[in-house]
Protein backbone atom coordinates (compact mmCIF):
# COMPACT_ATOMS: atom_id res chain seq x y z
CA MET A 1 106.33 79.54 81.51
CA ASP A 2 107.53 80.11 85.18
CA ASP A 3 105.47 79.49 88.22
CA ASN A 4 104.59 83.36 88.88
CA GLU A 5 103.34 83.54 85.21
CA ASN A 6 101.33 80.71 85.69
CA LYS A 7 99.98 81.75 88.80
CA THR A 8 99.11 85.11 87.12
CA ASN A 9 97.25 83.36 84.50
CA LYS A 10 95.16 81.13 86.43
CA MET A 11 94.39 84.61 88.43
CA ASN A 12 93.42 86.15 85.61
CA GLU A 13 91.13 83.54 84.33
CA ALA A 14 89.75 83.26 87.66
CA LEU A 15 88.96 87.10 87.57
CA LYS A 16 87.65 87.31 84.10
CA GLY A 17 85.03 84.23 85.30
CA LEU A 18 83.98 86.68 88.11
CA TRP A 19 83.59 89.41 86.05
CA ASP A 20 81.64 87.88 83.38
CA SER A 21 79.17 86.50 86.07
CA LEU A 22 78.22 89.84 87.35
CA THR A 23 75.33 91.86 85.69
CA ASP A 24 75.94 95.22 84.16
CA GLU A 25 74.53 96.84 87.20
CA GLN A 26 77.14 95.30 89.42
CA LYS A 27 80.01 95.93 87.11
CA ALA A 28 79.25 99.65 86.94
CA LYS A 29 78.96 99.54 90.96
CA ALA A 30 82.25 97.78 90.90
CA LYS A 31 84.02 100.42 88.53
CA GLU A 32 83.04 103.33 91.24
CA CYS A 33 84.94 101.40 94.09
CA LYS A 34 88.07 103.52 94.73
CA ASN A 35 90.09 100.78 96.36
CA MET A 36 90.20 96.98 97.12
CA ASP A 37 88.47 97.58 100.70
CA GLU A 38 85.46 98.95 98.78
CA LEU A 39 85.37 96.26 96.14
CA MET A 40 85.54 93.53 98.80
CA ALA A 41 82.74 95.40 100.78
CA LEU A 42 80.81 95.39 97.66
CA ALA A 43 81.26 91.87 96.56
CA GLY A 44 80.45 90.83 100.21
CA SER A 45 77.16 92.87 99.94
CA MET A 46 76.18 91.19 96.75
CA GLY A 47 77.00 87.67 97.79
CA VAL A 48 79.67 87.21 95.53
CA GLU A 49 81.64 84.19 96.20
CA LEU A 50 85.21 84.36 95.67
CA THR A 51 87.34 81.03 94.65
CA ASN A 52 90.12 79.76 96.71
CA GLU A 53 92.51 81.11 94.21
CA LEU A 54 91.31 84.76 94.47
CA LEU A 55 91.22 84.37 98.38
CA ASP A 56 94.72 83.51 98.29
CA SER A 57 95.71 86.19 96.11
CA VAL A 58 94.11 88.74 98.27
CA SER A 59 95.79 87.12 101.57
CA GLY A 60 99.13 87.04 99.82
CA GLY A 61 98.84 90.63 98.84
CA GLY A 62 97.97 90.59 95.28
CA VAL A 63 96.32 93.28 93.63
CA TYR A 64 94.48 92.93 90.42
CA GLN A 65 92.38 95.76 88.89
CA PHE A 66 90.24 93.29 86.77
CA TRP A 67 87.33 96.25 86.09
CA GLU A 68 89.68 98.26 84.13
C-alpha cells in the first residue's frame, strides 16, 4: 500500500467515526449541504470537533463526500 492509499484509508476511518457520532437529525442536515463551506459552517454551528487528520485534509485541499 502506498502512502496516498494509507492516508486515504486513515481519512476514511476518521470520517466514518465522525459520521457515526452524529445524530440522525445532524446527518439529515449534513446531507442538505451543497458544498464544503456549508458543511463546515454546519459542523461549527453544531460544535463538531474535527480531528487533526480531517483539518490537514481540508487545509491540503482534499474533498471527501462522506455523507453520500
